[in-house]
Amino acid sequence: MILVLCTTIMYNGCRILGDWITPENPYRVPQGAALKVFGNEQAIEANSTFSERLRLFYWYGE
């Protein structure tokens, strides 16, 4: 019973902490002097080799 109680408390505590940390709407339009830095890179991907794409994957995490 103690294990179930501690597990429930820990789970709900992590869920509440996660809800508190997460922004309300992460996909909203930025306010102020924000810039859109994402661009369409289809031409670069078509001419790149596997090793270049792998290097970019590890570099940018995409």
PDB file of N, CA and C in Angstrom:
ATOM      1  N   MET A   1       0.824  -1.194   0.000  1.00  0.00           N
ATOM      2  CA  MET A   1       0.000   0.000   0.000  1.00  0.00           C
ATOM      3  C   MET A   1       0.874   1.265   0.000  1.00  0.00           C
ATOM      4  N   ILE A   2       1.963   1.204   0.758  1.00  0.00           N
ATOM      5  CA  ILE A   2       2.852   2.366   0.812  1.00  0.00           C
ATOM      6  C   ILE A   2       3.491   2.605  -0.558  1.00  0.00           C
ATOM      7  N   LEU A   3       3.863   1.529  -1.252  1.00  0.00           N
ATOM      8  CA  LEU A   3       4.455   1.654  -2.584  1.00  0.00           C
ATOM      9  C   LEU A   3       3.454   2.287  -3.561  1.00  0.00           C
ATOM     10  N   VAL A   4       2.216   1.845  -3.524  1.00  0.00           N
ATOM     11  CA  VAL A   4       1.184   2.411  -4.400  1.00  0.00           C
ATOM     12  C   VAL A   4       0.952   3.875  -4.067  1.00  0.00           C
ATOM     13  N   LEU A   5       0.908   4.217  -2.803  1.00  0.00           N
ATOM     14  CA  LEU A   5       0.701   5.604  -2.382  1.00  0.00           C
ATOM     15  C   LEU A   5       1.866   6.496  -2.824  1.00  0.00           C
ATOM     16  N   CYS A   6       3.101   6.043  -2.598  1.00  0.00           N
ATOM     17  CA  CYS A   6       4.267   6.835  -3.009  1.00  0.00           C
ATOM     18  C   CYS A   6       4.343   6.975  -4.528  1.00  0.00           C
ATOM     19  N   THR A   7       4.027   5.911  -5.248  1.00  0.00           N
ATOM     20  CA  THR A   7       4.036   5.966  -6.706  1.00  0.00           C
ATOM     21  C   THR A   7       2.995   6.952  -7.222  1.00  0.00           C
ATOM     22  N   THR A   8       1.802   6.934  -6.640  1.00  0.00           N
ATOM     23  CA  THR A   8       0.745   7.857  -7.055  1.00  0.00           C
ATOM     24  C   THR A   8       1.132   9.300  -6.761  1.00  0.00           C
ATOM     25  N   ILE A   9       1.691   9.547  -5.605  1.00  0.00           N
ATOM     26  CA  ILE A   9       2.117  10.902  -5.249  1.00  0.00           C
ATOM     27  C   ILE A   9       3.221  11.377  -6.184  1.00  0.00           C
ATOM     28  N   MET A  10       4.191  10.519  -6.467  1.00  0.00           N
ATOM     29  CA  MET A  10       5.300  10.890  -7.347  1.00  0.00           C
ATOM     30  C   MET A  10       4.799  11.148  -8.771  1.00  0.00           C
ATOM     31  N   TYR A  11       3.915  10.294  -9.280  1.00  0.00           N
ATOM     32  CA  TYR A  11       3.373  10.462 -10.624  1.00  0.00           C
ATOM     33  C   TYR A  11       2.608  11.778 -10.742  1.00  0.00           C
ATOM     34  N   ASN A  12       1.729  12.036  -9.815  1.00  0.00           N
ATOM     35  CA  ASN A  12       0.944  13.271  -9.867  1.00  0.00           C
ATOM     36  C   ASN A  12       1.821  14.500  -9.663  1.00  0.00           C
ATOM     37  N   GLY A  13       2.844  14.390  -8.819  1.00  0.00           N
ATOM     38  CA  GLY A  13       3.771  15.513  -8.635  1.00  0.00           C
ATOM     39  C   GLY A  13       4.533  15.827  -9.916  1.00  0.00           C
ATOM     40  N   CYS A  14       4.999  14.800 -10.603  1.00  0.00           N
ATOM     41  CA  CYS A  14       5.709  15.017 -11.878  1.00  0.00           C
ATOM     42  C   CYS A  14       4.774  15.582 -12.936  1.00  0.00           C
ATOM     43  N   ARG A  15       3.530  15.125 -12.955  1.00  0.00           N
ATOM     44  CA  ARG A  15       2.556  15.636 -13.923  1.00  0.00           C
ATOM     45  C   ARG A  15       2.254  17.108 -13.662  1.00  0.00           C
ATOM     46  N   ILE A  16       2.077  17.481 -12.423  1.00  0.00           N
ATOM     47  CA  ILE A  16       1.811  18.879 -12.070  1.00  0.00           C
ATOM     48  C   ILE A  16       3.020  19.752 -12.393  1.00  0.00           C
ATOM     49  N   LEU A  17       4.217  19.267 -12.097  1.00  0.00           N
ATOM     50  CA  LEU A  17       5.435  20.002 -12.415  1.00  0.00           C
ATOM     51  C   LEU A  17       5.582  20.174 -13.935  1.00  0.00           C
ATOM     52  N   GLY A  18       5.290  19.134 -14.695  1.00  0.00           N
ATOM     53  CA  GLY A  18       5.350  19.223 -16.150  1.00  0.00           C
ATOM     54  C   GLY A  18       4.341  20.208 -16.718  1.00  0.00           C
ATOM     55  N   ASP A  19       3.135  20.231 -16.156  1.00  0.00           N
ATOM     56  CA  ASP A  19       2.124  21.208 -16.596  1.00  0.00           C
ATOM     57  C   ASP A  19       2.549  22.627 -16.262  1.00  0.00           C
ATOM     58  N   TRP A  20       3.233  22.811 -15.165  1.00  0.00           N
ATOM     59  CA  TRP A  20       3.685  24.142 -14.753  1.00  0.00           C
ATOM     60  C   TRP A  20       4.820  24.634 -15.653  1.00  0.00           C
ATOM     61  N   ILE A  21       5.714  23.739 -16.053  1.00  0.00           N
ATOM     62  CA  ILE A  21       6.855  24.116 -16.878  1.00  0.00           C
ATOM     63  C   ILE A  21       6.454  24.376 -18.328  1.00  0.00           C
ATOM     64  N   THR A  22       5.531  23.594 -18.857  1.00  0.00           N
ATOM     65  CA  THR A  22       5.124  23.701 -20.261  1.00  0.00           C
ATOM     66  C   THR A  22       4.420  25.026 -20.525  1.00  0.00           C
ATOM     67  N   PRO A  23       4.794  25.735 -21.606  1.00  0.00           N
ATOM     68  CA  PRO A  23       4.094  26.989 -21.927  1.00  0.00           C
ATOM     69  C   PRO A  23       2.630  26.722 -22.265  1.00  0.00           C
ATOM     70  N   GLU A  24       1.806  27.766 -22.118  1.00  0.00           N
ATOM     71  CA  GLU A  24       0.378  27.604 -22.357  1.00  0.00           C
ATOM     72  C   GLU A  24       0.078  27.200 -23.792  1.00  0.00           C
ATOM     73  N   ASN A  25       0.653  27.883 -24.740  1.00  0.00           N
ATOM     74  CA  ASN A  25       0.449  27.555 -26.147  1.00  0.00           C
ATOM     75  C   ASN A  25       1.797  27.685 -26.861  1.00  0.00           C
ATOM     76  N   PRO A  26       2.543  26.596 -27.021  1.00  0.00           N
ATOM     77  CA  PRO A  26       3.868  26.701 -27.611  1.00  0.00           C
ATOM     78  C   PRO A  26       3.843  27.043 -29.099  1.00  0.00           C
ATOM     79  N   TYR A  27       2.697  26.932 -29.764  1.00  0.00           N
ATOM     80  CA  TYR A  27       2.610  27.182 -31.200  1.00  0.00           C
ATOM     81  C   TYR A  27       2.014  28.541 -31.541  1.00  0.00           C
ATOM     82  N   ARG A  28       1.869  29.419 -30.560  1.00  0.00           N
ATOM     83  CA  ARG A  28       1.295  30.736 -30.827  1.00  0.00           C
ATOM     84  C   ARG A  28       2.275  31.586 -31.633  1.00  0.00           C
ATOM     85  N   VAL A  29       1.781  32.625 -32.262  1.00  0.00           N
ATOM     86  CA  VAL A  29       2.620  33.532 -33.042  1.00  0.00           C
ATOM     87  C   VAL A  29       3.465  34.358 -32.078  1.00  0.00           C
ATOM     88  N   PRO A  30       4.788  34.426 -32.286  1.00  0.00           N
ATOM     89  CA  PRO A  30       5.637  35.189 -31.379  1.00  0.00           C
ATOM     90  C   PRO A  30       5.292  36.674 -31.388  1.00  0.00           C
ATOM     91  N   GLN A  31       5.476  37.314 -30.256  1.00  0.00           N
ATOM     92  CA  GLN A  31       5.211  38.738 -30.118  1.00  0.00           C
ATOM     93  C   GLN A  31       6.531  39.501 -30.126  1.00  0.00           C
ATOM     94  N   GLY A  32       6.489  40.778 -30.468  1.00  0.00           N
ATOM     95  CA  GLY A  32       7.685  41.620 -30.410  1.00  0.00           C
ATOM     96  C   GLY A  32       8.524  41.516 -31.667  1.00  0.00           C
ATOM     97  N   ALA A  33       9.833  41.525 -31.490  1.00  0.00           N
ATOM     98  CA  ALA A  33      10.763  41.542 -32.621  1.00  0.00           C
ATOM     99  C   ALA A  33      11.273  40.148 -32.951  1.00  0.00           C
ATOM    100  N   ALA A  34      10.433  39.138 -32.829  1.00  0.00           N
ATOM    101  CA  ALA A  34      10.836  37.766 -33.116  1.00  0.00           C
ATOM    102  C   ALA A  34      10.984  37.568 -34.618  1.00  0.00           C
ATOM    103  N   LEU A  35      11.922  36.709 -34.999  1.00  0.00           N
ATOM    104  CA  LEU A  35      12.172  36.403 -36.394  1.00  0.00           C
ATOM    105  C   LEU A  35      11.885  34.940 -36.662  1.00  0.00           C
ATOM    106  N   LYS A  36      11.408  34.650 -37.852  1.00  0.00           N
ATOM    107  CA  LYS A  36      11.202  33.270 -38.253  1.00  0.00           C
ATOM    108  C   LYS A  36      12.508  32.785 -38.876  1.00  0.00           C
ATOM    109  N   VAL A  37      13.143  31.815 -38.260  1.00  0.00           N
ATOM    110  CA  VAL A  37      14.451  31.372 -38.727  1.00  0.00           C
ATOM    111  C   VAL A  37      14.385  30.038 -39.457  1.00  0.00           C
ATOM    112  N   PHE A  38      13.234  29.419 -39.508  1.00  0.00           N
ATOM    113  CA  PHE A  38      13.094  28.143 -40.205  1.00  0.00           C
ATOM    114  C   PHE A  38      12.916  28.407 -41.687  1.00  0.00           C
ATOM    115  N   GLY A  39      13.657  27.705 -42.491  1.00  0.00           N
ATOM    116  CA  GLY A  39      13.545  27.864 -43.933  1.00  0.00           C
ATOM    117  C   GLY A  39      13.397  26.520 -44.614  1.00  0.00           C
ATOM    118  N   ASN A  40      12.952  26.530 -45.840  1.00  0.00           N
ATOM    119  CA  ASN A  40      12.782  25.318 -46.611  1.00  0.00           C
ATOM    120  C   ASN A  40      14.132  24.904 -47.184  1.00  0.00           C
ATOM    121  N   GLU A  41      14.621  23.738 -46.806  1.00  0.00           N
ATOM    122  CA  GLU A  41      15.944  23.298 -47.217  1.00  0.00           C
ATOM    123  C   GLU A  41      15.884  22.078 -48.118  1.00  0.00           C
ATOM    124  N   GLN A  42      14.872  21.963 -48.959  1.00  0.00           N
ATOM    125  CA  GLN A  42      14.745  20.794 -49.816  1.00  0.00           C
ATOM    126  C   GLN A  42      15.871  20.723 -50.838  1.00  0.00           C
ATOM    127  N   ALA A  43      16.321  21.856 -51.365  1.00  0.00           N
ATOM    128  CA  ALA A  43      17.390  21.854 -52.355  1.00  0.00           C
ATOM    129  C   ALA A  43      18.701  21.382 -51.740  1.00  0.00           C
ATOM    130  N   ILE A  44      18.955  21.745 -50.507  1.00  0.00           N
ATOM    131  CA  ILE A  44      20.186  21.321 -49.837  1.00  0.00           C
ATOM    132  C   ILE A  44      20.141  19.824 -49.553  1.00  0.00           C
ATOM    133  N   GLU A  45      18.985  19.333 -49.110  1.00  0.00           N
ATOM    134  CA  GLU A  45      18.869  17.918 -48.795  1.00  0.00           C
ATOM    135  C   GLU A  45      19.005  17.051 -50.034  1.00  0.00           C
ATOM    136  N   ALA A  46      18.581  17.518 -51.185  1.00  0.00           N
ATOM    137  CA  ALA A  46      18.657  16.723 -52.406  1.00  0.00           C
ATOM    138  C   ALA A  46      20.101  16.531 -52.857  1.00  0.00           C
ATOM    139  N   ASN A  47      20.979  17.496 -52.621  1.00  0.00           N
ATOM    140  CA  ASN A  47      22.361  17.426 -53.079  1.00  0.00           C
ATOM    141  C   ASN A  47      23.331  16.949 -52.004  1.00  0.00           C
ATOM    142  N   SER A  48      22.873  16.699 -50.803  1.00  0.00           N
ATOM    143  CA  SER A  48      23.781  16.324 -49.725  1.00  0.00           C
ATOM    144  C   SER A  48      23.973  14.812 -49.684  1.00  0.00           C
ATOM    145  N   THR A  49      25.122  14.412 -49.210  1.00  0.00           N
ATOM    146  CA  THR A  49      25.406  12.991 -49.055  1.00  0.00           C
ATOM    147  C   THR A  49      24.887  12.514 -47.715  1.00  0.00           C
ATOM    148  N   PHE A  50      24.912  11.203 -47.551  1.00  0.00           N
ATOM    149  CA  PHE A  50      24.427  10.622 -46.306  1.00  0.00           C
ATOM    150  C   PHE A  50      25.258  11.104 -45.121  1.00  0.00           C
ATOM    151  N   SER A  51      26.569  11.177 -45.283  1.00  0.00           N
ATOM    152  CA  SER A  51      27.427  11.604 -44.173  1.00  0.00           C
ATOM    153  C   SER A  51      27.181  13.067 -43.798  1.00  0.00           C
ATOM    154  N   GLU A  52      26.901  13.929 -44.793  1.00  0.00           N
ATOM    155  CA  GLU A  52      26.594  15.333 -44.496  1.00  0.00           C
ATOM    156  C   GLU A  52      25.273  15.449 -43.752  1.00  0.00           C
ATOM    157  N   ARG A  53      24.284  14.678 -44.187  1.00  0.00           N
ATOM    158  CA  ARG A  53      22.985  14.713 -43.508  1.00  0.00           C
ATOM    159  C   ARG A  53      23.098  14.181 -42.085  1.00  0.00           C
ATOM    160  N   LEU A  54      23.922  13.130 -41.891  1.00  0.00           N
ATOM    161  CA  LEU A  54      24.122  12.586 -40.556  1.00  0.00           C
ATOM    162  C   LEU A  54      24.833  13.600 -39.660  1.00  0.00           C
ATOM    163  N   ARG A  55      25.831  14.287 -40.205  1.00  0.00           N
ATOM    164  CA  ARG A  55      26.543  15.314 -39.445  1.00  0.00           C
ATOM    165  C   ARG A  55      25.589  16.431 -39.040  1.00  0.00           C
ATOM    166  N   LEU A  56      24.731  16.880 -39.967  1.00  0.00           N
ATOM    167  CA  LEU A  56      23.758  17.928 -39.639  1.00  0.00           C
ATOM    168  C   LEU A  56      22.743  17.443 -38.610  1.00  0.00           C
ATOM    169  N   PHE A  57      22.373  16.170 -38.706  1.00  0.00           N
ATOM    170  CA  PHE A  57      21.438  15.613 -37.726  1.00  0.00           C
ATOM    171  C   PHE A  57      22.016  15.703 -36.318  1.00  0.00           C
ATOM    172  N   TYR A  58      23.273  15.300 -36.156  1.00  0.00           N
ATOM    173  CA  TYR A  58      23.891  15.355 -34.836  1.00  0.00           C
ATOM    174  C   TYR A  58      24.199  16.789 -34.419  1.00  0.00           C
ATOM    175  N   TRP A  59      24.479  17.655 -35.368  1.00  0.00           N
ATOM    176  CA  TRP A  59      24.817  19.049 -35.053  1.00  0.00           C
ATOM    177  C   TRP A  59      23.584  19.809 -34.578  1.00  0.00           C
ATOM    178  N   TYR A  60      22.483  19.702 -35.352  1.00  0.00           N
ATOM    179  CA  TYR A  60      21.271  20.465 -35.034  1.00  0.00           C
ATOM    180  C   TYR A  60      20.239  19.671 -34.259  1.00  0.00           C
ATOM    181  N   GLY A  61      20.342  18.371 -34.261  1.00  0.00           N
ATOM    182  CA  GLY A  61      19.366  17.548 -33.562  1.00  0.00           C
ATOM    183  C   GLY A  61      18.058  17.434 -34.306  1.00  0.00           C
ATOM    184  N   GLU A  62      18.095  17.554 -35.636  1.00  0.00           N
ATOM    185  CA  GLU A  62      16.858  17.462 -36.419  1.00  0.00           C
ATOM    186  C   GLU A  62      16.829  16.172 -37.185  1.00  0.00           C
TER     187      GLU A  62
END
